[in-house]
Amino acid sequence: MARERTLLSVVSANGPDPVCMRAAEIVRERWAPEDEGSGRGRCVAGAVFEAAEESGEYRSMAFGPIDDALLKVACMVGDECLPLWNAEPGRTAEEVAEALMRAAWLSPPLRHSTPHPWLDAA
């Protein structure tokens, strides 16, 4: 029972994150192990950036929709280095899209109570 309460506490009550959902669509359309630039193949991070830009939510990376989406995906896949996770041999577009779709349902990361993997690095 405690496990269920813990799970429910991290699932977003506000519906899926639109940036993660759109990024999953972009990955399904034109995923690449490494980002290939504008209008071409997109890695997981490139898809998140493009989705945020399309939605008008593109602000600074820190503490905005881009940061939230990237942190949620990193939590979902258990790897803070998304470029390496994305480019891992054998990785498929469907695996990347699925991680984005699952991450879309996580609540945004807590601020000030958890260390930020890039900003709080020693």
PDB file of N, CA and C in Angstrom:
ATOM      1  N   MET A   1       0.817  -1.193   0.000  1.00  0.00           N
ATOM      2  CA  MET A   1       0.000   0.000   0.000  1.00  0.00           C
ATOM      3  C   MET A   1       0.859   1.253   0.000  1.00  0.00           C
ATOM      4  N   ALA A   2       1.942   1.266   0.777  1.00  0.00           N
ATOM      5  CA  ALA A   2       2.819   2.434   0.812  1.00  0.00           C
ATOM      6  C   ALA A   2       3.401   2.701  -0.570  1.00  0.00           C
ATOM      7  N   ARG A   3       3.716   1.628  -1.299  1.00  0.00           N
ATOM      8  CA  ARG A   3       4.259   1.797  -2.642  1.00  0.00           C
ATOM      9  C   ARG A   3       3.259   2.505  -3.546  1.00  0.00           C
ATOM     10  N   GLU A   4       1.977   2.174  -3.440  1.00  0.00           N
ATOM     11  CA  GLU A   4       0.963   2.833  -4.255  1.00  0.00           C
ATOM     12  C   GLU A   4       0.881   4.318  -3.936  1.00  0.00           C
ATOM     13  N   ARG A   5       0.945   4.675  -2.662  1.00  0.00           N
ATOM     14  CA  ARG A   5       0.900   6.091  -2.292  1.00  0.00           C
ATOM     15  C   ARG A   5       2.102   6.830  -2.863  1.00  0.00           C
ATOM     16  N   THR A   6       3.259   6.195  -2.830  1.00  0.00           N
ATOM     17  CA  THR A   6       4.458   6.816  -3.374  1.00  0.00           C
ATOM     18  C   THR A   6       4.301   7.029  -4.872  1.00  0.00           C
ATOM     19  N   LEU A   7       3.816   6.030  -5.573  1.00  0.00           N
ATOM     20  CA  LEU A   7       3.614   6.148  -7.008  1.00  0.00           C
ATOM     21  C   LEU A   7       2.617   7.253  -7.329  1.00  0.00           C
ATOM     22  N   LEU A   8       1.515   7.293  -6.602  1.00  0.00           N
ATOM     23  CA  LEU A   8       0.515   8.316  -6.860  1.00  0.00           C
ATOM     24  C   LEU A   8       1.033   9.714  -6.594  1.00  0.00           C
ATOM     25  N   SER A   9       1.979   9.847  -5.675  1.00  0.00           N
ATOM     26  CA  SER A   9       2.496  11.170  -5.361  1.00  0.00           C
ATOM     27  C   SER A   9       3.368  11.743  -6.470  1.00  0.00           C
ATOM     28  N   VAL A  10       3.862  10.915  -7.387  1.00  0.00           N
ATOM     29  CA  VAL A  10       4.698  11.430  -8.466  1.00  0.00           C
ATOM     30  C   VAL A  10       3.962  11.507  -9.798  1.00  0.00           C
ATOM     31  N   VAL A  11       2.772  10.951  -9.864  1.00  0.00           N
ATOM     32  CA  VAL A  11       2.003  11.015 -11.104  1.00  0.00           C
ATOM     33  C   VAL A  11       1.295  12.363 -11.167  1.00  0.00           C
ATOM     34  N   SER A  12       1.417  13.029 -12.279  1.00  0.00           N
ATOM     35  CA  SER A  12       0.830  14.352 -12.432  1.00  0.00           C
ATOM     36  C   SER A  12      -0.688  14.294 -12.396  1.00  0.00           C
ATOM     37  N   ALA A  13      -1.268  15.180 -11.613  1.00  0.00           N
ATOM     38  CA  ALA A  13      -2.726  15.285 -11.551  1.00  0.00           C
ATOM     39  C   ALA A  13      -3.243  16.236 -12.627  1.00  0.00           C
ATOM     40  N   ASN A  14      -2.348  16.913 -13.312  1.00  0.00           N
ATOM     41  CA  ASN A  14      -2.735  17.913 -14.306  1.00  0.00           C
ATOM     42  C   ASN A  14      -2.723  17.388 -15.732  1.00  0.00           C
ATOM     43  N   GLY A  15      -2.612  16.093 -15.894  1.00  0.00           N
ATOM     44  CA  GLY A  15      -2.548  15.533 -17.239  1.00  0.00           C
ATOM     45  C   GLY A  15      -1.116  15.507 -17.741  1.00  0.00           C
ATOM     46  N   PRO A  16      -0.923  14.986 -18.934  1.00  0.00           N
ATOM     47  CA  PRO A  16       0.437  14.828 -19.455  1.00  0.00           C
ATOM     48  C   PRO A  16       1.085  16.156 -19.828  1.00  0.00           C
ATOM     49  N   ASP A  17       2.393  16.182 -19.734  1.00  0.00           N
ATOM     50  CA  ASP A  17       3.201  17.336 -20.119  1.00  0.00           C
ATOM     51  C   ASP A  17       3.155  17.452 -21.647  1.00  0.00           C
ATOM     52  N   PRO A  18       2.642  18.576 -22.184  1.00  0.00           N
ATOM     53  CA  PRO A  18       2.525  18.694 -23.641  1.00  0.00           C
ATOM     54  C   PRO A  18       3.873  18.716 -24.360  1.00  0.00           C
ATOM     55  N   VAL A  19       4.912  19.200 -23.703  1.00  0.00           N
ATOM     56  CA  VAL A  19       6.236  19.210 -24.332  1.00  0.00           C
ATOM     57  C   VAL A  19       6.737  17.777 -24.512  1.00  0.00           C
ATOM     58  N   CYS A  20       6.603  16.954 -23.485  1.00  0.00           N
ATOM     59  CA  CYS A  20       7.020  15.545 -23.608  1.00  0.00           C
ATOM     60  C   CYS A  20       6.178  14.808 -24.649  1.00  0.00           C
ATOM     61  N   MET A  21       4.882  15.069 -24.662  1.00  0.00           N
ATOM     62  CA  MET A  21       4.006  14.380 -25.618  1.00  0.00           C
ATOM     63  C   MET A  21       4.364  14.741 -27.057  1.00  0.00           C
ATOM     64  N   ARG A  22       4.604  16.038 -27.318  1.00  0.00           N
ATOM     65  CA  ARG A  22       4.966  16.461 -28.672  1.00  0.00           C
ATOM     66  C   ARG A  22       6.353  15.935 -29.036  1.00  0.00           C
ATOM     67  N   ALA A  23       7.274  15.928 -28.062  1.00  0.00           N
ATOM     68  CA  ALA A  23       8.610  15.400 -28.325  1.00  0.00           C
ATOM     69  C   ALA A  23       8.532  13.926 -28.730  1.00  0.00           C
ATOM     70  N   ALA A  24       7.626  13.172 -28.113  1.00  0.00           N
ATOM     71  CA  ALA A  24       7.449  11.764 -28.487  1.00  0.00           C
ATOM     72  C   ALA A  24       7.000  11.648 -29.947  1.00  0.00           C
ATOM     73  N   GLU A  25       6.108  12.539 -30.377  1.00  0.00           N
ATOM     74  CA  GLU A  25       5.672  12.538 -31.783  1.00  0.00           C
ATOM     75  C   GLU A  25       6.841  12.846 -32.717  1.00  0.00           C
ATOM     76  N   ILE A  26       7.649  13.838 -32.343  1.00  0.00           N
ATOM     77  CA  ILE A  26       8.804  14.216 -33.161  1.00  0.00           C
ATOM     78  C   ILE A  26       9.765  13.038 -33.281  1.00  0.00           C
ATOM     79  N   VAL A  27      10.008  12.349 -32.182  1.00  0.00           N
ATOM     80  CA  VAL A  27      10.897  11.185 -32.195  1.00  0.00           C
ATOM     81  C   VAL A  27      10.340  10.106 -33.116  1.00  0.00           C
ATOM     82  N   ARG A  28       9.050   9.868 -33.049  1.00  0.00           N
ATOM     83  CA  ARG A  28       8.442   8.847 -33.921  1.00  0.00           C
ATOM     84  C   ARG A  28       8.550   9.235 -35.394  1.00  0.00           C
ATOM     85  N   GLU A  29       8.508  10.547 -35.679  1.00  0.00           N
ATOM     86  CA  GLU A  29       8.587  11.027 -37.062  1.00  0.00           C
ATOM     87  C   GLU A  29      10.010  10.964 -37.613  1.00  0.00           C
ATOM     88  N   ARG A  30      10.999  11.337 -36.772  1.00  0.00           N
ATOM     89  CA  ARG A  30      12.357  11.455 -37.307  1.00  0.00           C
ATOM     90  C   ARG A  30      13.432  11.384 -36.238  1.00  0.00           C
ATOM     91  N   TRP A  31      13.462  10.273 -35.508  1.00  0.00           N
ATOM     92  CA  TRP A  31      14.466  10.070 -34.477  1.00  0.00           C
ATOM     93  C   TRP A  31      15.836   9.795 -35.076  1.00  0.00           C
ATOM     94  N   ALA A  32      16.872  10.207 -34.365  1.00  0.00           N
ATOM     95  CA  ALA A  32      18.252   9.899 -34.738  1.00  0.00           C
ATOM     96  C   ALA A  32      19.063   9.676 -33.462  1.00  0.00           C
ATOM     97  N   PRO A  33      20.074   8.820 -33.503  1.00  0.00           N
ATOM     98  CA  PRO A  33      20.915   8.606 -32.322  1.00  0.00           C
ATOM     99  C   PRO A  33      21.620   9.886 -31.875  1.00  0.00           C
ATOM    100  N   GLU A  34      21.902  10.787 -32.803  1.00  0.00           N
ATOM    101  CA  GLU A  34      22.488  12.085 -32.494  1.00  0.00           C
ATOM    102  C   GLU A  34      21.694  13.138 -33.248  1.00  0.00           C
ATOM    103  N   ASP A  35      21.509  14.308 -32.633  1.00  0.00           N
ATOM    104  CA  ASP A  35      20.729  15.368 -33.263  1.00  0.00           C
ATOM    105  C   ASP A  35      21.405  15.817 -34.551  1.00  0.00           C
ATOM    106  N   GLU A  36      20.624  15.954 -35.619  1.00  0.00           N
ATOM    107  CA  GLU A  36      21.164  16.305 -36.926  1.00  0.00           C
ATOM    108  C   GLU A  36      20.827  17.727 -37.352  1.00  0.00           C
ATOM    109  N   GLY A  37      20.276  18.539 -36.453  1.00  0.00           N
ATOM    110  CA  GLY A  37      20.002  19.931 -36.783  1.00  0.00           C
ATOM    111  C   GLY A  37      18.590  20.167 -37.273  1.00  0.00           C
ATOM    112  N   SER A  38      18.331  21.383 -37.634  1.00  0.00           N
ATOM    113  CA  SER A  38      16.990  21.845 -37.989  1.00  0.00           C
ATOM    114  C   SER A  38      16.361  21.030 -39.117  1.00  0.00           C
ATOM    115  N   GLY A  39      15.143  20.539 -38.858  1.00  0.00           N
ATOM    116  CA  GLY A  39      14.372  19.854 -39.885  1.00  0.00           C
ATOM    117  C   GLY A  39      14.818  18.444 -40.193  1.00  0.00           C
ATOM    118  N   ARG A  40      15.776  17.940 -39.443  1.00  0.00           N
ATOM    119  CA  ARG A  40      16.276  16.607 -39.725  1.00  0.00           C
ATOM    120  C   ARG A  40      16.069  15.708 -38.525  1.00  0.00           C
ATOM    121  N   GLY A  41      16.863  14.657 -38.408  1.00  0.00           N
ATOM    122  CA  GLY A  41      16.727  13.721 -37.300  1.00  0.00           C
ATOM    123  C   GLY A  41      16.909  14.382 -35.948  1.00  0.00           C
ATOM    124  N   ARG A  42      16.142  13.924 -34.988  1.00  0.00           N
ATOM    125  CA  ARG A  42      16.193  14.489 -33.648  1.00  0.00           C
ATOM    126  C   ARG A  42      16.513  13.426 -32.604  1.00  0.00           C
ATOM    127  N   CYS A  43      17.455  13.762 -31.711  1.00  0.00           N
ATOM    128  CA  CYS A  43      17.696  12.923 -30.548  1.00  0.00           C
ATOM    129  C   CYS A  43      16.643  13.300 -29.505  1.00  0.00           C
ATOM    130  N   VAL A  44      16.648  12.636 -28.352  1.00  0.00           N
ATOM    131  CA  VAL A  44      15.637  12.899 -27.329  1.00  0.00           C
ATOM    132  C   VAL A  44      15.673  14.362 -26.888  1.00  0.00           C
ATOM    133  N   ALA A  45      16.866  14.901 -26.637  1.00  0.00           N
ATOM    134  CA  ALA A  45      16.966  16.294 -26.189  1.00  0.00           C
ATOM    135  C   ALA A  45      16.558  17.260 -27.301  1.00  0.00           C
ATOM    136  N   GLY A  46      16.986  16.992 -28.520  1.00  0.00           N
ATOM    137  CA  GLY A  46      16.611  17.848 -29.644  1.00  0.00           C
ATOM    138  C   GLY A  46      15.110  17.878 -29.857  1.00  0.00           C
ATOM    139  N   ALA A  47      14.460  16.736 -29.662  1.00  0.00           N
ATOM    140  CA  ALA A  47      12.999  16.671 -29.796  1.00  0.00           C
ATOM    141  C   ALA A  47      12.319  17.495 -28.705  1.00  0.00           C
ATOM    142  N   VAL A  48      12.859  17.452 -27.484  1.00  0.00           N
ATOM    143  CA  VAL A  48      12.292  18.252 -26.388  1.00  0.00           C
ATOM    144  C   VAL A  48      12.450  19.743 -26.691  1.00  0.00           C
ATOM    145  N   PHE A  49      13.640  20.149 -27.148  1.00  0.00           N
ATOM    146  CA  PHE A  49      13.850  21.558 -27.483  1.00  0.00           C
ATOM    147  C   PHE A  49      12.887  22.004 -28.585  1.00  0.00           C
ATOM    148  N   GLU A  50      12.746  21.195 -29.633  1.00  0.00           N
ATOM    149  CA  GLU A  50      11.852  21.548 -30.742  1.00  0.00           C
ATOM    150  C   GLU A  50      10.402  21.628 -30.276  1.00  0.00           C
ATOM    151  N   ALA A  51       9.975  20.682 -29.460  1.00  0.00           N
ATOM    152  CA  ALA A  51       8.598  20.679 -28.951  1.00  0.00           C
ATOM    153  C   ALA A  51       8.325  21.916 -28.100  1.00  0.00           C
ATOM    154  N   ALA A  52       9.285  22.300 -27.269  1.00  0.00           N
ATOM    155  CA  ALA A  52       9.118  23.494 -26.432  1.00  0.00           C
ATOM    156  C   ALA A  52       9.048  24.749 -27.300  1.00  0.00           C
ATOM    157  N   GLU A  53       9.875  24.798 -28.319  1.00  0.00           N
ATOM    158  CA  GLU A  53       9.875  25.954 -29.217  1.00  0.00           C
ATOM    159  C   GLU A  53       8.538  26.053 -29.960  1.00  0.00           C
ATOM    160  N   GLU A  54       8.040  24.941 -30.454  1.00  0.00           N
ATOM    161  CA  GLU A  54       6.743  24.923 -31.155  1.00  0.00           C
ATOM    162  C   GLU A  54       5.604  25.395 -30.261  1.00  0.00           C
ATOM    163  N   SER A  55       5.670  25.042 -28.975  1.00  0.00           N
ATOM    164  CA  SER A  55       4.576  25.367 -28.059  1.00  0.00           C
ATOM    165  C   SER A  55       4.647  26.798 -27.537  1.00  0.00           C
ATOM    166  N   GLY A  56       5.719  27.493 -27.856  1.00  0.00           N
ATOM    167  CA  GLY A  56       5.885  28.842 -27.330  1.00  0.00           C
ATOM    168  C   GLY A  56       6.423  28.841 -25.913  1.00  0.00           C
ATOM    169  N   GLU A  57       6.795  27.679 -25.415  1.00  0.00           N
ATOM    170  CA  GLU A  57       7.305  27.551 -24.046  1.00  0.00           C
ATOM    171  C   GLU A  57       8.827  27.592 -23.999  1.00  0.00           C
ATOM    172  N   TYR A  58       9.461  27.954 -25.078  1.00  0.00           N
ATOM    173  CA  TYR A  58      10.922  27.972 -25.120  1.00  0.00           C
ATOM    174  C   TYR A  58      11.421  29.195 -24.368  1.00  0.00           C
ATOM    175  N   ARG A  59      11.991  28.948 -23.199  1.00  0.00           N
ATOM    176  CA  ARG A  59      12.624  29.996 -22.404  1.00  0.00           C
ATOM    177  C   ARG A  59      14.026  29.506 -22.098  1.00  0.00           C
ATOM    178  N   SER A  60      14.594  30.001 -21.046  1.00  0.00           N
ATOM    179  CA  SER A  60      15.909  29.479 -20.681  1.00  0.00           C
ATOM    180  C   SER A  60      15.735  28.021 -20.278  1.00  0.00           C
ATOM    181  N   MET A  61      16.779  27.248 -20.432  1.00  0.00           N
ATOM    182  CA  MET A  61      16.691  25.827 -20.111  1.00  0.00           C
ATOM    183  C   MET A  61      16.443  25.610 -18.621  1.00  0.00           C
ATOM    184  N   ALA A  62      17.089  26.387 -17.774  1.00  0.00           N
ATOM    185  CA  ALA A  62      17.002  26.168 -16.332  1.00  0.00           C
ATOM    186  C   ALA A  62      15.618  26.530 -15.801  1.00  0.00           C
ATOM    187  N   PHE A  63      15.008  25.598 -15.114  1.00  0.00           N
ATOM    188  CA  PHE A  63      13.746  25.790 -14.399  1.00  0.00           C
ATOM    189  C   PHE A  63      12.567  26.131 -15.304  1.00  0.00           C
ATOM    190  N   GLY A  64      12.596  25.711 -16.532  1.00  0.00           N
ATOM    191  CA  GLY A  64      11.476  25.917 -17.435  1.00  0.00           C
ATOM    192  C   GLY A  64      10.972  24.591 -17.961  1.00  0.00           C
ATOM    193  N   PRO A  65      10.077  24.631 -18.949  1.00  0.00           N
ATOM    194  CA  PRO A  65       9.506  23.402 -19.502  1.00  0.00           C
ATOM    195  C   PRO A  65      10.538  22.457 -20.105  1.00  0.00           C
ATOM    196  N   ILE A  66      11.613  23.001 -20.661  1.00  0.00           N
ATOM    197  CA  ILE A  66      12.649  22.148 -21.251  1.00  0.00           C
ATOM    198  C   ILE A  66      13.351  21.372 -20.147  1.00  0.00           C
ATOM    199  N   ASP A  67      13.751  22.076 -19.113  1.00  0.00           N
ATOM    200  CA  ASP A  67      14.427  21.450 -17.988  1.00  0.00           C
ATOM    201  C   ASP A  67      13.527  20.405 -17.331  1.00  0.00           C
ATOM    202  N   ASP A  68      12.252  20.768 -17.112  1.00  0.00           N
ATOM    203  CA  ASP A  68      11.309  19.816 -16.513  1.00  0.00           C
ATOM    204  C   ASP A  68      11.227  18.545 -17.342  1.00  0.00           C
ATOM    205  N   ALA A  69      11.063  18.703 -18.652  1.00  0.00           N
ATOM    206  CA  ALA A  69      10.916  17.531 -19.526  1.00  0.00           C
ATOM    207  C   ALA A  69      12.171  16.668 -19.511  1.00  0.00           C
ATOM    208  N   LEU A  70      13.347  17.292 -19.622  1.00  0.00           N
ATOM    209  CA  LEU A  70      14.587  16.525 -19.639  1.00  0.00           C
ATOM    210  C   LEU A  70      14.820  15.796 -18.320  1.00  0.00           C
ATOM    211  N   LEU A  71      14.521  16.449 -17.206  1.00  0.00           N
ATOM    212  CA  LEU A  71      14.688  15.797 -15.905  1.00  0.00           C
ATOM    213  C   LEU A  71      13.722  14.632 -15.735  1.00  0.00           C
ATOM    214  N   LYS A  72      12.489  14.799 -16.207  1.00  0.00           N
ATOM    215  CA  LYS A  72      11.513  13.713 -16.091  1.00  0.00           C
ATOM    216  C   LYS A  72      11.932  12.514 -16.940  1.00  0.00           C
ATOM    217  N   VAL A  73      12.446  12.765 -18.138  1.00  0.00           N
ATOM    218  CA  VAL A  73      12.911  11.660 -18.981  1.00  0.00           C
ATOM    219  C   VAL A  73      14.109  10.974 -18.325  1.00  0.00           C
ATOM    220  N   ALA A  74      15.043  11.766 -17.788  1.00  0.00           N
ATOM    221  CA  ALA A  74      16.210  11.188 -17.118  1.00  0.00           C
ATOM    222  C   ALA A  74      15.779  10.316 -15.940  1.00  0.00           C
ATOM    223  N   CYS A  75      14.787  10.775 -15.186  1.00  0.00           N
ATOM    224  CA  CYS A  75      14.268   9.959 -14.075  1.00  0.00           C
ATOM    225  C   CYS A  75      13.619   8.681 -14.600  1.00  0.00           C
ATOM    226  N   MET A  76      12.890   8.794 -15.682  1.00  0.00           N
ATOM    227  CA  MET A  76      12.167   7.646 -16.237  1.00  0.00           C
ATOM    228  C   MET A  76      13.136   6.564 -16.723  1.00  0.00           C
ATOM    229  N   VAL A  77      14.230   6.975 -17.365  1.00  0.00           N
ATOM    230  CA  VAL A  77      15.156   5.987 -17.923  1.00  0.00           C
ATOM    231  C   VAL A  77      16.282   5.633 -16.952  1.00  0.00           C
ATOM    232  N   GLY A  78      16.393   6.376 -15.855  1.00  0.00           N
ATOM    233  CA  GLY A  78      17.423   6.087 -14.864  1.00  0.00           C
ATOM    234  C   GLY A  78      18.823   6.447 -15.315  1.00  0.00           C
ATOM    235  N   ASP A  79      18.930   7.477 -16.151  1.00  0.00           N
ATOM    236  CA  ASP A  79      20.240   7.884 -16.662  1.00  0.00           C
ATOM    237  C   ASP A  79      20.242   9.394 -16.850  1.00  0.00           C
ATOM    238  N   GLU A  80      21.154  10.087 -16.171  1.00  0.00           N
ATOM    239  CA  GLU A  80      21.222  11.545 -16.290  1.00  0.00           C
ATOM    240  C   GLU A  80      21.848  11.993 -17.604  1.00  0.00           C
ATOM    241  N   CYS A  81      22.591  11.138 -18.271  1.00  0.00           N
ATOM    242  CA  CYS A  81      23.243  11.514 -19.528  1.00  0.00           C
ATOM    243  C   CYS A  81      22.377  11.058 -20.697  1.00  0.00           C
ATOM    244  N   LEU A  82      21.370  11.855 -21.011  1.00  0.00           N
ATOM    245  CA  LEU A  82      20.420  11.481 -22.067  1.00  0.00           C
ATOM    246  C   LEU A  82      21.062  11.302 -23.435  1.00  0.00           C
ATOM    247  N   PRO A  83      22.051  12.112 -23.836  1.00  0.00           N
ATOM    248  CA  PRO A  83      22.656  11.866 -25.146  1.00  0.00           C
ATOM    249  C   PRO A  83      23.265  10.467 -25.269  1.00  0.00           C
ATOM    250  N   LEU A  84      23.936  10.006 -24.211  1.00  0.00           N
ATOM    251  CA  LEU A  84      24.510   8.654 -24.263  1.00  0.00           C
ATOM    252  C   LEU A  84      23.423   7.592 -24.233  1.00  0.00           C
ATOM    253  N   TRP A  85      22.387   7.802 -23.403  1.00  0.00           N
ATOM    254  CA  TRP A  85      21.264   6.857 -23.358  1.00  0.00           C
ATOM    255  C   TRP A  85      20.601   6.780 -24.732  1.00  0.00           C
ATOM    256  N   ASN A  86      20.349   7.934 -25.342  1.00  0.00           N
ATOM    257  CA  ASN A  86      19.691   8.005 -26.649  1.00  0.00           C
ATOM    258  C   ASN A  86      20.498   7.283 -27.731  1.00  0.00           C
ATOM    259  N   ALA A  87      21.823   7.429 -27.683  1.00  0.00           N
ATOM    260  CA  ALA A  87      22.698   6.887 -28.732  1.00  0.00           C
ATOM    261  C   ALA A  87      23.198   5.478 -28.444  1.00  0.00           C
ATOM    262  N   GLU A  88      22.725   4.877 -27.360  1.00  0.00           N
ATOM    263  CA  GLU A  88      23.172   3.524 -27.013  1.00  0.00           C
ATOM    264  C   GLU A  88      22.892   2.561 -28.170  1.00  0.00           C
ATOM    265  N   PRO A  89      23.880   1.741 -28.546  1.00  0.00           N
ATOM    266  CA  PRO A  89      23.660   0.792 -29.649  1.00  0.00           C
ATOM    267  C   PRO A  89      22.412  -0.062 -29.409  1.00  0.00           C
ATOM    268  N   GLY A  90      21.603  -0.199 -30.420  1.00  0.00           N
ATOM    269  CA  GLY A  90      20.385  -0.989 -30.328  1.00  0.00           C
ATOM    270  C   GLY A  90      19.157  -0.194 -29.894  1.00  0.00           C
ATOM    271  N   ARG A  91      19.371   1.058 -29.468  1.00  0.00           N
ATOM    272  CA  ARG A  91      18.234   1.899 -29.050  1.00  0.00           C
ATOM    273  C   ARG A  91      17.331   2.142 -30.252  1.00  0.00           C
ATOM    274  N   THR A  92      16.028   2.148 -30.032  1.00  0.00           N
ATOM    275  CA  THR A  92      15.075   2.371 -31.126  1.00  0.00           C
ATOM    276  C   THR A  92      14.260   3.642 -30.888  1.00  0.00           C
ATOM    277  N   ALA A  93      13.701   4.159 -31.955  1.00  0.00           N
ATOM    278  CA  ALA A  93      12.830   5.339 -31.854  1.00  0.00           C
ATOM    279  C   ALA A  93      11.650   5.047 -30.938  1.00  0.00           C
ATOM    280  N   GLU A  94      11.120   3.844 -31.004  1.00  0.00           N
ATOM    281  CA  GLU A  94       9.960   3.499 -30.178  1.00  0.00           C
ATOM    282  C   GLU A  94      10.312   3.514 -28.693  1.00  0.00           C
ATOM    283  N   GLU A  95      11.510   3.044 -28.337  1.00  0.00           N
ATOM    284  CA  GLU A  95      11.947   3.095 -26.938  1.00  0.00           C
ATOM    285  C   GLU A  95      12.057   4.531 -26.448  1.00  0.00           C
ATOM    286  N   VAL A  96      12.606   5.407 -27.280  1.00  0.00           N
ATOM    287  CA  VAL A  96      12.770   6.813 -26.914  1.00  0.00           C
ATOM    288  C   VAL A  96      11.407   7.479 -26.790  1.00  0.00           C
ATOM    289  N   ALA A  97      10.523   7.236 -27.750  1.00  0.00           N
ATOM    290  CA  ALA A  97       9.176   7.811 -27.703  1.00  0.00           C
ATOM    291  C   ALA A  97       8.411   7.319 -26.477  1.00  0.00           C
ATOM    292  N   GLU A  98       8.544   6.043 -26.160  1.00  0.00           N
ATOM    293  CA  GLU A  98       7.867   5.469 -24.995  1.00  0.00           C
ATOM    294  C   GLU A  98       8.364   6.123 -23.705  1.00  0.00           C
ATOM    295  N   ALA A  99       9.669   6.353 -23.604  1.00  0.00           N
ATOM    296  CA  ALA A  99      10.215   7.021 -22.412  1.00  0.00           C
ATOM    297  C   ALA A  99       9.645   8.432 -22.285  1.00  0.00           C
ATOM    298  N   LEU A 100       9.532   9.134 -23.394  1.00  0.00           N
ATOM    299  CA  LEU A 100       8.947  10.479 -23.372  1.00  0.00           C
ATOM    300  C   LEU A 100       7.480  10.441 -22.966  1.00  0.00           C
ATOM    301  N   MET A 101       6.734   9.486 -23.497  1.00  0.00           N
ATOM    302  CA  MET A 101       5.308   9.373 -23.157  1.00  0.00           C
ATOM    303  C   MET A 101       5.133   9.056 -21.668  1.00  0.00           C
ATOM    304  N   ARG A 102       5.949   8.163 -21.137  1.00  0.00           N
ATOM    305  CA  ARG A 102       5.852   7.835 -19.707  1.00  0.00           C
ATOM    306  C   ARG A 102       6.271   9.033 -18.852  1.00  0.00           C
ATOM    307  N   ALA A 103       7.320   9.716 -19.257  1.00  0.00           N
ATOM    308  CA  ALA A 103       7.793  10.886 -18.514  1.00  0.00           C
ATOM    309  C   ALA A 103       6.744  12.004 -18.502  1.00  0.00           C
ATOM    310  N   ALA A 104       5.940  12.072 -19.545  1.00  0.00           N
ATOM    311  CA  ALA A 104       4.914  13.120 -19.637  1.00  0.00           C
ATOM    312  C   ALA A 104       3.941  13.070 -18.468  1.00  0.00           C
ATOM    313  N   TRP A 105       3.785  11.913 -17.867  1.00  0.00           N
ATOM    314  CA  TRP A 105       2.819  11.744 -16.777  1.00  0.00           C
ATOM    315  C   TRP A 105       3.425  11.953 -15.395  1.00  0.00           C
ATOM    316  N   LEU A 106       4.739  12.213 -15.322  1.00  0.00           N
ATOM    317  CA  LEU A 106       5.360  12.488 -14.030  1.00  0.00           C
ATOM    318  C   LEU A 106       5.116  13.938 -13.630  1.00  0.00           C
ATOM    319  N   SER A 107       5.026  14.179 -12.343  1.00  0.00           N
ATOM    320  CA  SER A 107       4.932  15.552 -11.849  1.00  0.00           C
ATOM    321  C   SER A 107       6.249  16.254 -12.117  1.00  0.00           C
ATOM    322  N   PRO A 108       6.218  17.584 -12.260  1.00  0.00           N
ATOM    323  CA  PRO A 108       7.479  18.308 -12.448  1.00  0.00           C
ATOM    324  C   PRO A 108       8.405  18.070 -11.259  1.00  0.00           C
ATOM    325  N   PRO A 109       9.705  18.104 -11.498  1.00  0.00           N
ATOM    326  CA  PRO A 109      10.656  17.896 -10.405  1.00  0.00           C
ATOM    327  C   PRO A 109      10.475  18.926  -9.306  1.00  0.00           C
ATOM    328  N   LEU A 110      10.746  18.512  -8.071  1.00  0.00           N
ATOM    329  CA  LEU A 110      10.677  19.440  -6.952  1.00  0.00           C
ATOM    330  C   LEU A 110      11.840  20.417  -7.048  1.00  0.00           C
ATOM    331  N   ARG A 111      11.574  21.654  -6.733  1.00  0.00           N
ATOM    332  CA  ARG A 111      12.621  22.670  -6.767  1.00  0.00           C
ATOM    333  C   ARG A 111      13.194  22.890  -5.371  1.00  0.00           C
ATOM    334  N   HIS A 112      14.466  23.127  -5.287  1.00  0.00           N
ATOM    335  CA  HIS A 112      15.191  23.455  -4.064  1.00  0.00           C
ATOM    336  C   HIS A 112      15.291  22.297  -3.080  1.00  0.00           C
ATOM    337  N   SER A 113      14.583  21.205  -3.283  1.00  0.00           N
ATOM    338  CA  SER A 113      14.679  20.106  -2.335  1.00  0.00           C
ATOM    339  C   SER A 113      15.498  18.948  -2.896  1.00  0.00           C
ATOM    340  N   THR A 114      15.712  18.968  -4.191  1.00  0.00           N
ATOM    341  CA  THR A 114      16.525  17.922  -4.794  1.00  0.00           C
ATOM    342  C   THR A 114      17.638  18.582  -5.590  1.00  0.00           C
ATOM    343  N   PRO A 115      18.837  18.018  -5.583  1.00  0.00           N
ATOM    344  CA  PRO A 115      19.922  18.640  -6.347  1.00  0.00           C
ATOM    345  C   PRO A 115      19.658  18.542  -7.842  1.00  0.00           C
ATOM    346  N   HIS A 116      19.996  19.586  -8.548  1.00  0.00           N
ATOM    347  CA  HIS A 116      19.867  19.618  -9.998  1.00  0.00           C
ATOM    348  C   HIS A 116      21.113  18.960 -10.586  1.00  0.00           C
ATOM    349  N   PRO A 117      20.953  17.982 -11.491  1.00  0.00           N
ATOM    350  CA  PRO A 117      22.116  17.225 -11.963  1.00  0.00           C
ATOM    351  C   PRO A 117      23.165  18.060 -12.695  1.00  0.00           C
ATOM    352  N   TRP A 118      22.763  19.201 -13.297  1.00  0.00           N
ATOM    353  CA  TRP A 118      23.736  20.003 -14.034  1.00  0.00           C
ATOM    354  C   TRP A 118      24.093  21.271 -13.256  1.00  0.00           C
ATOM    355  N   LEU A 119      23.112  21.937 -12.680  1.00  0.00           N
ATOM    356  CA  LEU A 119      23.368  23.215 -12.018  1.00  0.00           C
ATOM    357  C   LEU A 119      24.028  23.063 -10.667  1.00  0.00           C
ATOM    358  N   ASP A 120      23.739  21.971  -9.956  1.00  0.00           N
ATOM    359  CA  ASP A 120      24.269  21.782  -8.607  1.00  0.00           C
ATOM    360  C   ASP A 120      25.482  20.858  -8.579  1.00  0.00           C
ATOM    361  N   ALA A 121      26.046  20.572  -9.732  1.00  0.00           N
ATOM    362  CA  ALA A 121      27.211  19.679  -9.772  1.00  0.00           C
ATOM    363  C   ALA A 121      28.409  20.362  -9.120  1.00  0.00           C
ATOM    364  N   ALA A 122      29.159  19.589  -8.389  1.00  0.00           N
ATOM    365  CA  ALA A 122      30.320  20.159  -7.677  1.00  0.00           C
ATOM    366  C   ALA A 122      31.479  20.380  -8.623  1.00  0.00           C
TER     367      ALA A 122
END
